[in-house]
Structures are given as C-alpha cells and as structure tokens.
Amino acid sequence: MKRHFFIFLLCLFCSSSFCAVAAELVVDPEIAWQGKIITIRLVSIEAEQVSGQFLNQEFYCYRSGDDYYGVVGVPVNQKTGYYDLDLIVTRKDGQTQAITRTLKVWATKFPFSKFWLPPARSKLRAKEIVEDEWAQIEKLLLVEDKTKNWDGRFLMPAQKRISQGFGHRQIINGKRNGNHRGVDIAVLSGTEIMAPNGGKVVFVKKLKAFGGTIVLDHGQGIHTLYFHLSKFMAEVGDEIKKGETIALSGNSGVSSGAHLHWGMSVHNLRVDPMQWVRNEI
C-alpha cells in the first residue's frame, strides 16, 4: 500500500516535464560580497530563456554548451543579510519553472582614500555636468549583446601600481564623496592602455568630468570603462582583441594627477574589475 502511494505521489510530482529532471543550480561563490559578482550556472537544462532577479537587479543567463550561464553583481553599499536569488526558466512551449536560492551578502572592508582637487578641477564635479555625461554613458550600458566576446581572465589595461582600489571610501577636499566605483592605475600621461579582453567599442568622447572616455562592450551585459584619457586609438564600432591598444592615458577631467580610471559594469552595476583579473569568469 505504501509503495503504491509513493508511486502515485512521484507521478503527481513529475506531471510537469520540467520536474522530470530537476535543474542543478551552481552559484559561485556561495557568499555574495559587497562590490563583487557571483556566477550562476544551470547545468544541462533545455530552455528557451533563463532570466533572473537578485537585489532588485534583473538579468539574463545565456546558453553555454549544455548549460545556461549568467553573472550578477552586488552593489558596493548593499546592506548585509539574506536575499533571494530568483530564476525563471522558460521552455519552448511557454511553460515556466521558478528556482530560488537564498544567499548571504557579506560586508567588504573598504579603506579610506583622501586626495585634493584644485578649484578648477573640483568645479567639474558639478551635479549637472556629471549627471549629463553619465546619462550619455549609461544608455549604452543598458544594451546587452547576447554574444559573449570575452574569453578567460581579463588583463590589466596597464601594468602599473593601483593607486586607488575599487570601493575605497573617498574623502575629496576634506569631504566624504561616496565609494570609488573603479580602479585607479598610476600611469604617466601617454601610457598605452590595452583592452583587457575582446569587445566592441561603443563610446568614444572627450567629456568634462570623466575626461577622455572609452567604453567597451564585452557582450552579455558586461562593459568596461576608461576615463581621463589623453588620446583615442580606437573608434566607435571597432572590434577589439584582448591586449590591443585602445588609447593613451592622461590627466583629463576630474583628476588629481595622471592616471587611468578603469571601471567594470555588469548589467549597469559597477563592480570590482580585479575580480575579473584574478578569476576566470
């Protein structure tokens, strides 16, 4: 009797073809750190589309062999605690399956960075200037090319000392100014800046606050940003290979000295580029 009841429950549970083979979800790392990313892999699953939401961010996972693979970031100022990662798997016939994994967000220790800007440079930090220029950049960060154009670990765009790391709590001219949203590399003006991975040039412009700016689209919602450049060596539309020179460094825009500001954007969220240098994402 018990055996027959078990078989009945099993058939009832597996009446949806999605439940016939449970999807294996692999999240790496299993702890989400402020300013970092996590990768999501659904192993050997047949689907038309996989979308997700985490910390109020919507994202897609993309086909990778027999799996679906995606990346999502944690805001640098995200409150610690437990949060649900929600995935929706859509099959070709339109049926859907919801998958949820609860993750813990841990605090990342960010040191303080203090520096001084002369009045002429500080004026370029005016809200209307920054918001106007960022709007020009952001509309490109919202575009997701479904093709993955990067391969393996990212290179450093310049092999020099990091003068200010990602997430550093900035004090500019004696006042708090939020967290640094990129990595500053201490290079002399005129240093060649390399593409850290394959991508397409989607933005090239001299701006007031950000200085000479280039944005590379690496596909699947991943972009890299380069500020304070002195000369452009690539144009919008160029297909760039890993290691190819895209610009020369400079001291343009809101800058306290010659350096490169290198930013990493994941679905329009700034995360630590060094995680992509140290690990194959």
Protein backbone atom coordinates (compact mmCIF):
# COMPACT_ATOMS: atom_id res chain seq x y z
CA MET A 1 0.00 0.00 0.00
CA LYS A 2 2.80 2.40 0.98
CA ARG A 3 4.67 1.56 -2.24
CA HIS A 4 1.60 2.36 -4.39
CA PHE A 5 1.07 5.64 -2.54
CA PHE A 6 4.71 6.62 -3.11
CA ILE A 7 4.44 5.88 -6.84
CA PHE A 8 1.26 7.99 -7.02
CA LEU A 9 3.00 10.93 -5.34
CA LEU A 10 6.02 10.57 -7.62
CA CYS A 11 3.84 10.62 -10.75
CA LEU A 12 1.93 13.62 -9.43
CA PHE A 13 5.17 15.50 -8.68
CA CYS A 14 6.59 14.72 -12.11
CA SER A 15 3.46 15.57 -14.10
CA SER A 16 5.30 18.66 -15.34
CA SER A 17 8.07 17.66 -17.76
CA PHE A 18 10.26 20.29 -16.04
CA CYS A 19 10.15 18.24 -12.87
CA ALA A 20 11.19 15.04 -14.63
CA VAL A 21 14.81 16.15 -14.41
CA ALA A 22 15.49 18.71 -11.67
CA ALA A 23 17.70 21.60 -12.77
CA GLU A 24 21.07 21.71 -10.99
CA LEU A 25 21.89 25.26 -9.92
CA VAL A 26 25.52 26.12 -9.20
CA VAL A 27 26.27 29.53 -7.63
CA ASP A 28 29.89 30.65 -7.24
CA PRO A 29 30.82 31.92 -4.73
CA GLU A 30 28.00 30.85 -2.45
CA ILE A 31 28.50 34.02 -0.38
CA ALA A 32 27.83 37.36 -2.07
CA TRP A 33 30.29 40.12 -1.18
CA GLN A 34 29.65 43.86 -1.49
CA GLY A 35 31.07 45.16 -4.80
CA LYS A 36 31.73 41.68 -6.20
CA ILE A 37 29.91 39.41 -8.63
CA ILE A 38 28.53 35.89 -8.42
CA THR A 39 28.19 33.47 -11.33
CA ILE A 40 25.12 31.34 -11.92
CA ARG A 41 25.07 28.09 -13.86
CA LEU A 42 22.08 25.88 -14.63
CA VAL A 43 23.55 22.53 -15.61
CA SER A 44 22.29 20.53 -18.61
CA ILE A 45 18.91 22.18 -18.95
CA GLU A 46 16.69 22.58 -22.03
CA ALA A 47 15.19 26.05 -22.11
CA GLU A 48 14.21 28.88 -24.41
CA GLN A 49 15.19 31.57 -21.93
CA VAL A 50 16.52 31.94 -18.39
CA SER A 51 16.02 35.25 -16.61
CA GLY A 52 16.77 36.21 -13.04
CA GLN A 53 16.49 38.81 -10.32
CA PHE A 54 18.80 39.50 -7.39
CA LEU A 55 18.94 42.57 -5.16
CA ASN A 56 16.38 44.32 -7.41
CA GLN A 57 18.55 43.72 -10.48
CA GLU A 58 17.12 41.91 -13.47
CA PHE A 59 19.45 39.89 -15.67
CA TYR A 60 19.60 37.06 -18.22
CA CYS A 61 21.54 33.82 -18.29
CA TYR A 62 22.89 32.77 -21.67
CA ARG A 63 23.41 29.42 -23.37
CA SER A 64 26.89 27.95 -22.76
CA GLY A 65 27.17 24.46 -24.24
CA ASP A 66 24.53 22.34 -22.50
CA ASP A 67 24.20 24.85 -19.64
CA TYR A 68 22.86 28.33 -19.03
CA TYR A 69 25.35 30.78 -17.52
CA GLY A 70 24.97 34.26 -16.05
CA VAL A 71 26.67 36.91 -13.93
CA VAL A 72 25.13 39.34 -11.43
CA GLY A 73 26.73 41.89 -9.13
CA VAL A 74 26.28 43.06 -5.55
CA PRO A 75 26.05 46.84 -5.01
CA VAL A 76 29.02 48.27 -3.13
CA ASN A 77 26.71 49.72 -0.46
CA GLN A 78 24.28 46.78 -0.22
CA LYS A 79 23.07 46.07 3.32
CA THR A 80 24.29 42.74 4.67
CA GLY A 81 21.79 39.96 5.23
CA TYR A 82 19.98 37.16 3.44
CA TYR A 83 18.43 37.74 0.00
CA ASP A 84 16.71 35.52 -2.57
CA LEU A 85 18.19 34.87 -5.99
CA ASP A 86 15.20 34.12 -8.23
CA LEU A 87 15.42 32.44 -11.63
CA ILE A 88 12.66 31.88 -14.17
CA VAL A 89 13.27 29.11 -16.72
CA THR A 90 11.07 29.42 -19.80
CA ARG A 91 10.68 26.37 -22.04
CA LYS A 92 9.99 26.44 -25.79
CA ASP A 93 6.34 25.55 -25.20
CA GLY A 94 5.98 28.55 -22.88
CA GLN A 95 5.87 26.63 -19.59
CA THR A 96 7.96 28.13 -16.81
CA GLN A 97 9.78 26.93 -13.71
CA ALA A 98 10.81 29.11 -10.78
CA ILE A 99 14.07 28.38 -8.94
CA THR A 100 15.09 30.23 -5.79
CA ARG A 101 18.35 30.19 -3.85
CA THR A 102 18.85 32.26 -0.69
CA LEU A 103 22.28 33.90 -0.46
CA LYS A 104 24.00 35.84 2.28
CA VAL A 105 25.54 39.23 1.49
CA TRP A 106 28.70 39.89 3.49
CA ALA A 107 30.46 43.19 4.13
CA THR A 108 33.64 44.00 2.22
CA LYS A 109 36.20 46.11 4.09
CA PHE A 110 36.88 49.27 2.07
CA PRO A 111 39.70 51.59 3.21
CA PHE A 112 39.62 55.38 3.05
CA SER A 113 41.27 57.36 0.23
CA LYS A 114 41.99 61.07 0.67
CA PHE A 115 43.03 63.49 -2.05
CA TRP A 116 42.80 67.14 -3.01
CA LEU A 117 41.42 68.68 -6.19
CA PRO A 118 42.29 72.25 -7.25
CA PRO A 119 39.26 74.57 -7.65
CA ALA A 120 39.24 74.38 -11.46
CA ARG A 121 39.03 70.58 -11.36
CA SER A 122 36.60 70.48 -8.46
CA LYS A 123 34.13 72.65 -10.42
CA LEU A 124 33.83 69.84 -12.98
CA ARG A 125 32.16 67.73 -10.27
CA ALA A 126 29.03 69.88 -10.53
CA LYS A 127 25.91 67.69 -10.36
CA GLU A 128 24.50 68.86 -13.70
CA ILE A 129 27.77 68.10 -15.51
CA VAL A 130 28.20 64.64 -14.01
CA GLU A 131 24.56 63.63 -14.49
CA ASP A 132 24.50 64.77 -18.12
CA GLU A 133 27.70 62.94 -19.00
CA TRP A 134 26.76 59.79 -17.10
CA ALA A 135 23.39 59.68 -18.93
CA GLN A 136 25.30 59.55 -22.22
CA ILE A 137 27.35 56.58 -20.99
CA GLU A 138 24.60 54.75 -19.12
CA LYS A 139 22.28 54.35 -22.10
CA LEU A 140 24.99 52.16 -23.69
CA LEU A 141 25.47 50.10 -20.52
CA LEU A 142 21.79 49.13 -20.71
CA VAL A 143 22.28 47.46 -24.12
CA GLU A 144 23.07 43.73 -23.89
CA ASP A 145 24.69 42.00 -26.84
CA LYS A 146 23.80 38.30 -26.49
CA THR A 147 27.19 37.25 -27.87
CA LYS A 148 29.98 36.62 -25.36
CA ASN A 149 33.05 38.46 -26.67
CA TRP A 150 35.41 37.89 -23.76
CA ASP A 151 37.49 34.76 -23.18
CA GLY A 152 39.23 33.77 -19.96
CA ARG A 153 40.64 36.13 -17.38
CA PHE A 154 40.80 39.86 -18.03
CA LEU A 155 44.17 41.57 -18.38
CA MET A 156 45.17 44.71 -16.55
CA PRO A 157 44.79 47.57 -19.07
CA ALA A 158 48.17 48.90 -17.85
CA GLN A 159 50.82 47.07 -15.83
CA LYS A 160 51.35 49.65 -13.12
CA ARG A 161 50.60 50.24 -9.44
CA ILE A 162 46.98 50.60 -8.29
CA SER A 163 46.74 53.99 -6.61
CA GLN A 164 43.10 53.67 -5.51
CA GLY A 165 41.14 50.45 -5.37
CA PHE A 166 37.50 49.69 -6.02
CA GLY A 167 35.11 50.66 -3.22
CA HIS A 168 37.53 52.92 -1.39
CA ARG A 169 35.65 55.43 0.75
CA GLN A 170 36.69 58.72 -0.80
CA ILE A 171 37.39 61.96 1.03
CA ILE A 172 37.82 64.73 -1.53
CA ASN A 173 38.90 68.17 -0.32
CA GLY A 174 38.06 67.10 3.22
CA LYS A 175 34.51 65.87 2.48
CA ARG A 176 33.06 62.37 2.09
CA ASN A 177 32.25 61.57 -1.52
CA GLY A 178 30.93 58.01 -1.53
CA ASN A 179 32.68 54.86 -2.69
CA HIS A 180 35.11 54.73 -5.60
CA ARG A 181 33.43 52.82 -8.45
CA GLY A 182 36.53 51.66 -10.31
CA VAL A 183 40.26 51.01 -10.05
CA ASP A 184 42.80 53.82 -10.49
CA ILE A 185 46.08 52.79 -12.09
CA ALA A 186 49.03 55.15 -11.59
CA VAL A 187 50.41 55.66 -15.10
CA LEU A 188 52.17 58.62 -16.70
CA SER A 189 50.31 60.55 -19.40
CA GLY A 190 50.80 58.91 -22.78
CA THR A 191 50.96 55.33 -21.48
CA GLU A 192 49.37 52.79 -23.83
CA ILE A 193 46.06 51.43 -22.50
CA MET A 194 45.20 47.87 -23.58
CA ALA A 195 41.83 46.19 -23.97
CA PRO A 196 41.66 43.68 -21.10
CA ASN A 197 39.58 41.31 -23.22
CA GLY A 198 37.74 41.07 -26.52
CA GLY A 199 34.94 43.53 -27.14
CA LYS A 200 33.42 46.24 -29.28
CA VAL A 201 33.98 49.99 -28.90
CA VAL A 202 30.61 51.62 -28.21
CA PHE A 203 31.59 55.04 -26.82
CA VAL A 204 34.47 57.42 -27.54
CA LYS A 205 34.25 61.03 -26.40
CA LYS A 206 36.06 63.82 -24.58
CA LEU A 207 33.95 64.74 -21.55
CA LYS A 208 34.33 67.47 -18.93
CA ALA A 209 34.07 65.41 -15.74
CA PHE A 210 35.20 61.98 -16.93
CA GLY A 211 37.78 63.35 -19.37
CA GLY A 212 38.68 61.30 -22.42
CA THR A 213 36.34 58.30 -22.19
CA ILE A 214 36.07 54.94 -23.93
CA VAL A 215 33.53 52.17 -23.26
CA LEU A 216 34.00 48.58 -24.46
CA ASP A 217 31.06 46.17 -24.77
CA HIS A 218 32.22 42.60 -24.00
CA GLY A 219 28.76 41.11 -24.53
CA GLN A 220 26.06 39.65 -22.28
CA GLY A 221 25.76 42.81 -20.20
CA ILE A 222 29.49 43.21 -19.45
CA HIS A 223 31.16 46.57 -20.20
CA THR A 224 34.46 48.18 -19.23
CA LEU A 225 35.02 51.92 -18.90
CA TYR A 226 38.19 54.03 -19.26
CA PHE A 227 38.38 57.65 -18.02
CA HIS A 228 40.89 60.55 -18.07
CA LEU A 229 42.42 59.52 -21.42
CA SER A 230 44.59 61.87 -23.49
CA LYS A 231 44.29 60.24 -26.91
CA PHE A 232 41.98 57.72 -28.56
CA MET A 233 43.43 54.84 -30.60
CA ALA A 234 40.08 53.24 -31.45
CA GLU A 235 36.73 54.37 -32.86
CA VAL A 236 33.11 53.50 -32.19
CA GLY A 237 32.29 50.25 -33.97
CA ASP A 238 35.82 48.80 -33.82
CA GLU A 239 36.05 45.12 -32.89
CA ILE A 240 38.88 44.92 -30.35
CA LYS A 241 41.01 41.92 -29.39
CA LYS A 242 42.48 41.20 -25.95
CA GLY A 243 45.70 43.16 -25.49
CA GLU A 244 45.08 45.62 -28.33
CA THR A 245 45.90 49.29 -27.63
CA ILE A 246 42.75 51.41 -27.43
CA ALA A 247 44.02 54.74 -26.01
CA LEU A 248 46.75 56.69 -24.25
CA SER A 249 46.39 57.62 -20.59
CA GLY A 250 46.12 61.19 -19.43
CA ASN A 251 45.05 63.65 -16.74
CA SER A 252 41.78 64.95 -18.21
CA GLY A 253 38.53 65.61 -16.36
CA VAL A 254 38.15 65.35 -12.58
CA SER A 255 41.63 64.07 -11.89
CA SER A 256 44.20 64.86 -9.21
CA GLY A 257 47.05 63.61 -11.39
CA ALA A 258 47.88 61.43 -14.37
CA HIS A 259 46.23 58.02 -14.06
CA LEU A 260 43.71 55.64 -15.63
CA HIS A 261 40.31 55.06 -14.05
CA TRP A 262 39.20 51.57 -15.07
CA GLY A 263 35.60 50.59 -14.40
CA MET A 264 33.68 47.31 -14.78
CA SER A 265 29.92 47.34 -15.37
CA VAL A 266 27.74 44.22 -15.00
CA HIS A 267 24.15 44.84 -16.13
CA ASN A 268 24.75 48.54 -15.41
CA LEU A 269 26.15 47.94 -11.91
CA ARG A 270 29.77 48.89 -11.13
CA VAL A 271 31.77 46.03 -9.60
CA ASP A 272 35.42 45.35 -8.80
CA PRO A 273 37.43 44.79 -12.04
CA MET A 274 40.17 42.97 -10.12
CA GLN A 275 37.86 40.01 -9.50
CA TRP A 276 37.86 39.53 -13.29
CA VAL A 277 41.65 39.71 -13.39
CA ARG A 278 42.14 37.16 -10.62
CA ASN A 279 39.43 34.72 -11.73
CA GLU A 280 38.11 33.30 -14.99
CA ILE A 281 34.50 34.45 -15.07
